[in-house]
Amino acid sequence: MEELMNLRLATPEDLDTIWNILQDAIAQRKKDGSEQWQHGYPNKQIVEADIQDSHGYVLIKENQIIAYAAIVFGIEPAYNDIKGQWLSQDEYVVVHRVATAESYKGHGVATLLFQFIERLSIGKGVFSVKVDTNFDNYPMLRILEKLHYTHCGEIIFGGAPRMAFEKLLT
């Protein structure tokens, strides 16, 4: 399946599709009983900013957007204060707002998305990926475990405690 996919920067024309994917993810988090993404984050303005700042990426299969993530090469201020310890203090990429199209959920797309992100990071000479998630985001926690991300501690993001993970790439 992976050979038919590619990761590219999102464009303004992708905004409505991305927002629909995120709306479904927000609804799923609520259905799962989670507080994550239930208080106005993420919103369409954040996604617009992702696109404008070249942080928004889409995973494409057969000219269709099947997943979205904000991929930020640079400092995430919330990550400066961790209860715990990061694996490295080197340059890193941050992954936020991961969501998969409803029709592709359960098919390993988010795992593939992370693998594409890891290759993108290596291609840019960045060998650390950091990500945070809610304590009850079990699908994301399974993906991070499967891909051998290390739980490094807890950070505060958006006013709430979050589990922080890092993976060193080779």
N, C-alpha and C. Protein backbone atom coordinates (compact mmCIF):
# COMPACT_ATOMS: atom_id res chain seq x y z
N MET A 1 0.83 -1.20 0.00
CA MET A 1 0.00 0.00 0.00
C MET A 1 0.86 1.25 0.00
N GLU A 2 1.99 1.23 0.71
CA GLU A 2 2.83 2.41 0.87
C GLU A 2 3.34 2.95 -0.46
N GLU A 3 3.64 2.06 -1.41
CA GLU A 3 4.22 2.53 -2.66
C GLU A 3 3.25 3.40 -3.46
N LEU A 4 1.99 3.35 -3.15
CA LEU A 4 0.99 4.17 -3.84
C LEU A 4 0.75 5.50 -3.15
N MET A 5 1.53 5.80 -2.11
CA MET A 5 1.29 6.99 -1.31
C MET A 5 2.47 7.94 -1.38
N ASN A 6 2.17 9.21 -1.11
CA ASN A 6 3.24 10.18 -0.93
C ASN A 6 2.79 11.25 0.07
N LEU A 7 3.79 11.84 0.70
CA LEU A 7 3.58 12.91 1.68
C LEU A 7 3.97 14.21 1.00
N ARG A 8 3.09 15.21 1.09
CA ARG A 8 3.40 16.50 0.51
C ARG A 8 2.87 17.62 1.39
N LEU A 9 3.42 18.82 1.16
CA LEU A 9 2.91 19.99 1.86
C LEU A 9 1.46 20.20 1.48
N ALA A 10 0.66 20.59 2.45
CA ALA A 10 -0.74 20.92 2.19
C ALA A 10 -0.82 22.29 1.51
N THR A 11 -1.84 22.46 0.71
CA THR A 11 -2.08 23.73 0.02
C THR A 11 -3.41 24.32 0.52
N PRO A 12 -3.63 25.60 0.27
CA PRO A 12 -4.92 26.19 0.68
C PRO A 12 -6.12 25.44 0.10
N GLU A 13 -5.96 24.84 -1.08
CA GLU A 13 -7.06 24.09 -1.69
C GLU A 13 -7.40 22.82 -0.91
N ASP A 14 -6.47 22.36 -0.08
CA ASP A 14 -6.69 21.15 0.71
C ASP A 14 -7.44 21.41 2.02
N LEU A 15 -7.60 22.68 2.38
CA LEU A 15 -8.10 23.05 3.71
C LEU A 15 -9.43 22.37 4.06
N ASP A 16 -10.41 22.42 3.18
CA ASP A 16 -11.73 21.85 3.52
C ASP A 16 -11.64 20.35 3.75
N THR A 17 -10.88 19.66 2.93
CA THR A 17 -10.72 18.20 3.11
C THR A 17 -10.02 17.90 4.43
N ILE A 18 -8.94 18.65 4.71
CA ILE A 18 -8.22 18.46 5.98
C ILE A 18 -9.16 18.72 7.14
N TRP A 19 -9.93 19.79 7.06
CA TRP A 19 -10.82 20.14 8.17
C TRP A 19 -11.88 19.05 8.37
N ASN A 20 -12.39 18.48 7.30
CA ASN A 20 -13.36 17.38 7.43
C ASN A 20 -12.73 16.17 8.12
N ILE A 21 -11.49 15.86 7.77
CA ILE A 21 -10.77 14.74 8.41
C ILE A 21 -10.61 15.03 9.90
N LEU A 22 -10.21 16.25 10.23
CA LEU A 22 -10.04 16.62 11.64
C LEU A 22 -11.37 16.61 12.39
N GLN A 23 -12.44 17.06 11.76
CA GLN A 23 -13.77 17.03 12.40
C GLN A 23 -14.15 15.61 12.77
N ASP A 24 -13.90 14.67 11.87
CA ASP A 24 -14.19 13.26 12.16
C ASP A 24 -13.33 12.77 13.33
N ALA A 25 -12.06 13.18 13.35
CA ALA A 25 -11.17 12.77 14.44
C ALA A 25 -11.63 13.36 15.77
N ILE A 26 -12.06 14.61 15.76
CA ILE A 26 -12.57 15.26 16.97
C ILE A 26 -13.80 14.49 17.48
N ALA A 27 -14.69 14.14 16.57
CA ALA A 27 -15.89 13.38 16.95
C ALA A 27 -15.51 12.01 17.51
N GLN A 28 -14.51 11.37 16.91
CA GLN A 28 -14.07 10.05 17.39
C GLN A 28 -13.49 10.16 18.80
N ARG A 29 -12.69 11.19 19.06
CA ARG A 29 -12.11 11.38 20.39
C ARG A 29 -13.25 11.53 21.41
N LYS A 30 -14.29 12.28 21.05
CA LYS A 30 -15.43 12.46 21.96
C LYS A 30 -16.15 11.13 22.18
N LYS A 31 -16.37 10.39 21.09
CA LYS A 31 -17.05 9.09 21.18
C LYS A 31 -16.26 8.13 22.07
N ASP A 32 -14.92 8.25 22.03
CA ASP A 32 -14.05 7.41 22.84
C ASP A 32 -14.03 7.85 24.31
N GLY A 33 -14.72 8.95 24.62
CA GLY A 33 -14.77 9.44 25.99
C GLY A 33 -13.58 10.29 26.38
N SER A 34 -12.83 10.76 25.40
CA SER A 34 -11.63 11.55 25.67
C SER A 34 -11.95 13.04 25.72
N GLU A 35 -11.19 13.76 26.51
CA GLU A 35 -11.28 15.22 26.54
C GLU A 35 -10.38 15.85 25.48
N GLN A 36 -9.48 15.05 24.89
CA GLN A 36 -8.57 15.59 23.87
C GLN A 36 -9.37 16.11 22.68
N TRP A 37 -9.02 17.32 22.25
CA TRP A 37 -9.61 17.98 21.09
C TRP A 37 -11.09 18.31 21.29
N GLN A 38 -11.54 18.50 22.52
CA GLN A 38 -12.96 18.77 22.78
C GLN A 38 -13.24 20.22 23.18
N HIS A 39 -12.22 21.07 23.14
CA HIS A 39 -12.41 22.43 23.65
C HIS A 39 -11.93 23.48 22.65
N GLY A 40 -12.21 23.27 21.37
CA GLY A 40 -11.89 24.25 20.35
C GLY A 40 -10.51 24.12 19.72
N TYR A 41 -9.80 23.09 20.08
CA TYR A 41 -8.51 22.82 19.46
C TYR A 41 -8.51 21.39 18.96
N PRO A 42 -8.07 21.13 17.77
CA PRO A 42 -7.65 22.12 16.78
C PRO A 42 -8.85 22.78 16.13
N ASN A 43 -8.62 23.92 15.52
CA ASN A 43 -9.67 24.61 14.79
C ASN A 43 -9.17 24.95 13.39
N LYS A 44 -10.09 25.43 12.57
CA LYS A 44 -9.76 25.69 11.16
C LYS A 44 -8.66 26.74 11.03
N GLN A 45 -8.65 27.73 11.93
CA GLN A 45 -7.63 28.78 11.86
C GLN A 45 -6.22 28.20 12.11
N ILE A 46 -6.12 27.23 13.01
CA ILE A 46 -4.82 26.59 13.27
C ILE A 46 -4.35 25.84 12.03
N VAL A 47 -5.27 25.16 11.35
CA VAL A 47 -4.91 24.43 10.14
C VAL A 47 -4.51 25.42 9.04
N GLU A 48 -5.23 26.52 8.92
CA GLU A 48 -4.84 27.55 7.96
C GLU A 48 -3.43 28.04 8.24
N ALA A 49 -3.12 28.27 9.52
CA ALA A 49 -1.77 28.70 9.90
C ALA A 49 -0.74 27.62 9.59
N ASP A 50 -1.09 26.35 9.84
CA ASP A 50 -0.19 25.24 9.49
C ASP A 50 0.18 25.33 8.01
N ILE A 51 -0.83 25.51 7.17
CA ILE A 51 -0.60 25.55 5.72
C ILE A 51 0.23 26.77 5.35
N GLN A 52 -0.14 27.93 5.88
CA GLN A 52 0.58 29.17 5.58
C GLN A 52 2.05 29.10 6.01
N ASP A 53 2.31 28.45 7.15
CA ASP A 53 3.66 28.36 7.69
C ASP A 53 4.44 27.15 7.17
N SER A 54 3.87 26.44 6.21
CA SER A 54 4.48 25.22 5.63
C SER A 54 4.72 24.13 6.68
N HIS A 55 3.78 24.01 7.61
CA HIS A 55 3.82 22.94 8.61
C HIS A 55 2.77 21.86 8.32
N GLY A 56 1.78 22.16 7.53
CA GLY A 56 0.72 21.21 7.24
C GLY A 56 1.13 20.26 6.13
N TYR A 57 0.99 18.97 6.39
CA TYR A 57 1.32 17.94 5.40
C TYR A 57 0.14 17.00 5.25
N VAL A 58 -0.04 16.51 4.03
CA VAL A 58 -1.08 15.53 3.75
C VAL A 58 -0.45 14.27 3.17
N LEU A 59 -1.02 13.14 3.54
CA LEU A 59 -0.64 11.86 2.96
C LEU A 59 -1.64 11.59 1.85
N ILE A 60 -1.12 11.34 0.66
CA ILE A 60 -1.95 11.19 -0.53
C ILE A 60 -1.90 9.75 -1.02
N LYS A 61 -3.06 9.24 -1.37
CA LYS A 61 -3.15 7.94 -2.04
C LYS A 61 -4.09 8.11 -3.23
N GLU A 62 -3.59 7.83 -4.41
CA GLU A 62 -4.40 7.94 -5.63
C GLU A 62 -5.09 9.29 -5.71
N ASN A 63 -4.32 10.36 -5.51
CA ASN A 63 -4.79 11.76 -5.59
C ASN A 63 -5.85 12.11 -4.54
N GLN A 64 -5.95 11.32 -3.50
CA GLN A 64 -6.91 11.58 -2.43
C GLN A 64 -6.16 11.78 -1.12
N ILE A 65 -6.56 12.80 -0.36
CA ILE A 65 -5.96 13.03 0.96
C ILE A 65 -6.53 12.00 1.92
N ILE A 66 -5.61 11.23 2.54
CA ILE A 66 -6.09 10.19 3.46
C ILE A 66 -5.62 10.42 4.90
N ALA A 67 -4.71 11.39 5.09
CA ALA A 67 -4.26 11.70 6.46
C ALA A 67 -3.64 13.09 6.48
N TYR A 68 -3.59 13.65 7.67
CA TYR A 68 -3.04 15.00 7.87
C TYR A 68 -2.17 15.01 9.13
N ALA A 69 -1.14 15.84 9.09
CA ALA A 69 -0.34 16.10 10.29
C ALA A 69 0.34 17.45 10.14
N ALA A 70 0.52 18.11 11.27
CA ALA A 70 1.38 19.29 11.32
C ALA A 70 2.77 18.79 11.68
N ILE A 71 3.73 19.11 10.84
CA ILE A 71 5.11 18.66 11.01
C ILE A 71 5.96 19.92 11.12
N VAL A 72 6.50 20.14 12.30
CA VAL A 72 7.20 21.39 12.59
C VAL A 72 8.68 21.12 12.84
N PHE A 73 9.50 21.64 11.95
CA PHE A 73 10.95 21.57 12.14
C PHE A 73 11.34 22.82 12.91
N GLY A 74 11.66 22.65 14.17
CA GLY A 74 12.00 23.79 15.01
C GLY A 74 11.61 23.52 16.45
N ILE A 75 11.67 24.55 17.24
CA ILE A 75 11.45 24.43 18.68
C ILE A 75 9.96 24.46 19.00
N GLU A 76 9.51 23.55 19.83
CA GLU A 76 8.17 23.57 20.42
C GLU A 76 8.34 24.07 21.84
N PRO A 77 7.93 25.33 22.13
CA PRO A 77 8.16 25.90 23.47
C PRO A 77 7.63 25.03 24.61
N ALA A 78 6.51 24.35 24.40
CA ALA A 78 5.95 23.50 25.46
C ALA A 78 6.89 22.36 25.82
N TYR A 79 7.79 21.99 24.92
CA TYR A 79 8.69 20.87 25.15
C TYR A 79 9.93 21.27 25.95
N ASN A 80 10.10 22.56 26.18
CA ASN A 80 11.26 23.02 26.96
C ASN A 80 11.16 22.65 28.43
N ASP A 81 9.94 22.45 28.92
CA ASP A 81 9.72 22.14 30.33
C ASP A 81 9.06 20.77 30.44
N ILE A 82 9.87 19.75 30.56
CA ILE A 82 9.36 18.38 30.64
C ILE A 82 9.59 17.83 32.03
N LYS A 83 8.56 17.18 32.54
CA LYS A 83 8.72 16.41 33.78
C LYS A 83 9.19 15.04 33.33
N GLY A 84 10.48 14.84 33.37
CA GLY A 84 11.12 13.67 32.81
C GLY A 84 12.35 14.14 32.06
N GLN A 85 12.73 13.41 31.00
CA GLN A 85 13.92 13.80 30.25
C GLN A 85 13.82 13.31 28.81
N TRP A 86 14.09 14.21 27.88
CA TRP A 86 14.15 13.83 26.48
C TRP A 86 15.37 12.95 26.25
N LEU A 87 15.34 12.17 25.19
CA LEU A 87 16.47 11.31 24.84
C LEU A 87 17.66 12.12 24.35
N SER A 88 17.38 13.26 23.73
CA SER A 88 18.44 14.09 23.17
C SER A 88 18.08 15.56 23.32
N GLN A 89 19.08 16.38 23.18
CA GLN A 89 18.88 17.84 23.15
C GLN A 89 19.17 18.38 21.75
N ASP A 90 19.27 17.48 20.79
CA ASP A 90 19.59 17.86 19.42
C ASP A 90 18.36 18.46 18.73
N GLU A 91 18.58 18.93 17.52
CA GLU A 91 17.51 19.44 16.68
C GLU A 91 16.45 18.34 16.53
N TYR A 92 15.18 18.73 16.44
CA TYR A 92 14.11 17.73 16.34
C TYR A 92 12.97 18.25 15.48
N VAL A 93 12.10 17.34 15.10
CA VAL A 93 10.86 17.66 14.42
C VAL A 93 9.73 17.30 15.38
N VAL A 94 8.69 18.13 15.38
CA VAL A 94 7.52 17.92 16.23
C VAL A 94 6.33 17.53 15.34
N VAL A 95 5.55 16.57 15.80
CA VAL A 95 4.36 16.15 15.07
C VAL A 95 3.14 16.49 15.92
N HIS A 96 2.22 17.24 15.32
CA HIS A 96 0.97 17.61 15.99
C HIS A 96 -0.21 17.29 15.05
N ARG A 97 -1.39 17.24 15.60
CA ARG A 97 -2.65 17.18 14.86
C ARG A 97 -2.72 16.06 13.82
N VAL A 98 -2.39 14.86 14.24
CA VAL A 98 -2.43 13.70 13.35
C VAL A 98 -3.88 13.22 13.23
N ALA A 99 -4.33 13.05 12.01
CA ALA A 99 -5.69 12.54 11.79
C ALA A 99 -5.73 11.78 10.47
N THR A 100 -6.52 10.72 10.47
CA THR A 100 -6.69 9.86 9.30
C THR A 100 -8.13 9.95 8.81
N ALA A 101 -8.30 9.94 7.49
CA ALA A 101 -9.64 9.95 6.91
C ALA A 101 -10.44 8.77 7.44
N GLU A 102 -11.69 9.01 7.71
CA GLU A 102 -12.58 8.01 8.31
C GLU A 102 -12.54 6.68 7.55
N SER A 103 -12.57 6.74 6.23
CA SER A 103 -12.62 5.51 5.43
C SER A 103 -11.32 4.72 5.47
N TYR A 104 -10.24 5.31 6.03
CA TYR A 104 -8.96 4.63 6.11
C TYR A 104 -8.57 4.23 7.54
N LYS A 105 -9.41 4.55 8.50
CA LYS A 105 -9.10 4.19 9.89
C LYS A 105 -9.01 2.67 10.02
N GLY A 106 -8.04 2.23 10.81
CA GLY A 106 -7.88 0.80 11.04
C GLY A 106 -7.08 0.08 9.97
N HIS A 107 -6.52 0.84 9.02
CA HIS A 107 -5.74 0.23 7.95
C HIS A 107 -4.25 0.55 8.05
N GLY A 108 -3.82 1.04 9.19
CA GLY A 108 -2.40 1.32 9.38
C GLY A 108 -1.90 2.61 8.75
N VAL A 109 -2.81 3.47 8.34
CA VAL A 109 -2.43 4.70 7.65
C VAL A 109 -1.65 5.65 8.57
N ALA A 110 -2.07 5.79 9.81
CA ALA A 110 -1.35 6.68 10.73
C ALA A 110 0.07 6.17 10.99
N THR A 111 0.22 4.86 11.06
CA THR A 111 1.56 4.28 11.21
C THR A 111 2.41 4.62 9.99
N LEU A 112 1.85 4.45 8.80
CA LEU A 112 2.57 4.80 7.58
C LEU A 112 2.89 6.29 7.54
N LEU A 113 1.96 7.12 7.99
CA LEU A 113 2.20 8.56 8.05
C LEU A 113 3.44 8.86 8.89
N PHE A 114 3.54 8.24 10.05
CA PHE A 114 4.72 8.45 10.90
C PHE A 114 5.99 7.97 10.21
N GLN A 115 5.91 6.88 9.48
CA GLN A 115 7.09 6.39 8.76
C GLN A 115 7.52 7.38 7.68
N PHE A 116 6.55 7.98 6.99
CA PHE A 116 6.86 9.03 6.02
C PHE A 116 7.49 10.24 6.72
N ILE A 117 6.96 10.61 7.88
CA ILE A 117 7.50 11.74 8.64
C ILE A 117 8.95 11.46 9.04
N GLU A 118 9.21 10.25 9.47
CA GLU A 118 10.57 9.88 9.86
C GLU A 118 11.52 10.00 8.67
N ARG A 119 11.09 9.55 7.49
CA ARG A 119 11.94 9.65 6.30
C ARG A 119 12.15 11.11 5.90
N LEU A 120 11.09 11.91 6.00
CA LEU A 120 11.20 13.35 5.70
C LEU A 120 12.21 14.00 6.63
N SER A 121 12.14 13.65 7.90
CA SER A 121 13.04 14.21 8.91
C SER A 121 14.49 13.84 8.59
N ILE A 122 14.74 12.57 8.32
CA ILE A 122 16.09 12.13 7.97
C ILE A 122 16.58 12.87 6.72
N GLY A 123 15.69 13.03 5.75
CA GLY A 123 16.04 13.74 4.52
C GLY A 123 16.44 15.18 4.76
N LYS A 124 15.95 15.77 5.84
CA LYS A 124 16.29 17.15 6.19
C LYS A 124 17.43 17.20 7.21
N GLY A 125 18.01 16.03 7.51
CA GLY A 125 19.13 15.99 8.43
C GLY A 125 18.76 16.15 9.89
N VAL A 126 17.50 15.83 10.22
CA VAL A 126 17.02 15.91 11.60
C VAL A 126 16.74 14.48 12.06
N PHE A 127 17.35 14.09 13.17
CA PHE A 127 17.32 12.68 13.57
C PHE A 127 16.59 12.43 14.89
N SER A 128 15.66 13.31 15.22
CA SER A 128 14.83 13.14 16.41
C SER A 128 13.41 13.60 16.08
N VAL A 129 12.44 12.75 16.44
CA VAL A 129 11.03 13.09 16.29
C VAL A 129 10.42 13.13 17.69
N LYS A 130 9.76 14.24 18.02
CA LYS A 130 9.08 14.37 19.30
C LYS A 130 7.60 14.56 19.06
N VAL A 131 6.82 13.97 19.93
CA VAL A 131 5.37 14.02 19.80
C VAL A 131 4.76 13.92 21.19
N ASP A 132 3.59 14.51 21.35
CA ASP A 132 2.87 14.35 22.62
C ASP A 132 1.45 13.92 22.31
N THR A 133 0.83 13.29 23.31
CA THR A 133 -0.55 12.88 23.15
C THR A 133 -1.23 12.79 24.51
N ASN A 134 -2.53 12.73 24.46
CA ASN A 134 -3.32 12.60 25.67
C ASN A 134 -3.12 11.21 26.29
N PHE A 135 -3.26 11.14 27.59
CA PHE A 135 -3.09 9.87 28.31
C PHE A 135 -4.10 8.81 27.86
N ASP A 136 -5.24 9.25 27.31
CA ASP A 136 -6.27 8.29 26.92
C ASP A 136 -6.44 8.17 25.40
N ASN A 137 -5.44 8.62 24.64
CA ASN A 137 -5.49 8.46 23.19
C ASN A 137 -4.84 7.12 22.84
N TYR A 138 -5.59 6.06 23.10
CA TYR A 138 -5.06 4.71 22.95
C TYR A 138 -4.62 4.37 21.53
N PRO A 139 -5.34 4.81 20.49
CA PRO A 139 -4.84 4.51 19.14
C PRO A 139 -3.46 5.12 18.89
N MET A 140 -3.26 6.37 19.31
CA MET A 140 -1.95 7.00 19.11
C MET A 140 -0.89 6.32 19.98
N LEU A 141 -1.23 5.98 21.20
CA LEU A 141 -0.27 5.30 22.07
C LEU A 141 0.17 3.96 21.47
N ARG A 142 -0.76 3.25 20.83
CA ARG A 142 -0.40 1.98 20.17
C ARG A 142 0.55 2.21 19.00
N ILE A 143 0.29 3.26 18.23
CA ILE A 143 1.17 3.58 17.09
C ILE A 143 2.57 3.91 17.59
N LEU A 144 2.65 4.74 18.62
CA LEU A 144 3.96 5.14 19.14
C LEU A 144 4.72 3.94 19.70
N GLU A 145 3.99 3.03 20.34
CA GLU A 145 4.63 1.82 20.86
C GLU A 145 5.12 0.95 19.71
N LYS A 146 4.27 0.75 18.71
CA LYS A 146 4.62 -0.09 17.57
C LYS A 146 5.86 0.44 16.85
N LEU A 147 6.00 1.77 16.79
CA LEU A 147 7.12 2.37 16.07
C LEU A 147 8.32 2.66 16.98
N HIS A 148 8.26 2.16 18.21
CA HIS A 148 9.38 2.24 19.15
C HIS A 148 9.73 3.66 19.59
N TYR A 149 8.70 4.46 19.81
CA TYR A 149 8.91 5.77 20.43
C TYR A 149 9.08 5.54 21.93
N THR A 150 9.92 6.34 22.55
CA THR A 150 10.20 6.21 23.98
C THR A 150 9.41 7.24 24.76
N HIS A 151 8.70 6.79 25.79
CA HIS A 151 7.99 7.70 26.68
C HIS A 151 9.04 8.42 27.52
N CYS A 152 9.10 9.74 27.39
CA CYS A 152 10.15 10.53 28.05
C CYS A 152 9.65 11.29 29.27
N GLY A 153 8.34 11.40 29.44
CA GLY A 153 7.81 12.13 30.58
C GLY A 153 6.51 12.83 30.22
N GLU A 154 6.30 13.96 30.88
CA GLU A 154 5.05 14.69 30.74
C GLU A 154 5.36 16.16 30.46
N ILE A 155 4.59 16.72 29.53
CA ILE A 155 4.68 18.16 29.25
C ILE A 155 3.27 18.74 29.41
N ILE A 156 3.19 20.03 29.43
CA ILE A 156 1.89 20.72 29.43
C ILE A 156 1.71 21.34 28.05
N PHE A 157 0.65 20.96 27.38
CA PHE A 157 0.36 21.52 26.07
C PHE A 157 -1.10 21.96 26.06
N GLY A 158 -1.34 23.20 25.68
CA GLY A 158 -2.71 23.71 25.67
C GLY A 158 -3.33 23.69 27.06
N GLY A 159 -2.51 23.85 28.09
CA GLY A 159 -3.00 23.90 29.46
C GLY A 159 -3.26 22.55 30.09
N ALA A 160 -2.99 21.47 29.38
CA ALA A 160 -3.28 20.13 29.90
C ALA A 160 -2.02 19.27 29.88
N PRO A 161 -1.89 18.36 30.85
CA PRO A 161 -0.74 17.44 30.84
C PRO A 161 -0.86 16.46 29.68
N ARG A 162 0.28 16.19 29.08
CA ARG A 162 0.33 15.27 27.94
C ARG A 162 1.54 14.36 28.08
N MET A 163 1.41 13.16 27.57
CA MET A 163 2.53 12.22 27.53
C MET A 163 3.45 12.65 26.39
N ALA A 164 4.75 12.70 26.68
CA ALA A 164 5.73 13.13 25.70
C ALA A 164 6.59 11.95 25.26
N PHE A 165 6.82 11.85 23.96
CA PHE A 165 7.57 10.75 23.37
C PHE A 165 8.65 11.27 22.43
N GLU A 166 9.70 10.50 22.29
CA GLU A 166 10.75 10.84 21.32
C GLU A 166 11.27 9.55 20.69
N LYS A 167 11.66 9.68 19.44
CA LYS A 167 12.32 8.58 18.73
C LYS A 167 13.57 9.16 18.06
N LEU A 168 14.69 8.51 18.30
CA LEU A 168 15.93 8.87 17.63
C LEU A 168 16.03 8.06 16.34
N LEU A 169 16.32 8.74 15.26
CA LEU A 169 16.36 8.11 13.94
C LEU A 169 17.81 7.86 13.54
N THR A 170 18.01 6.78 12.76
CA THR A 170 19.37 6.50 12.30
C THR A 170 19.42 6.40 10.80
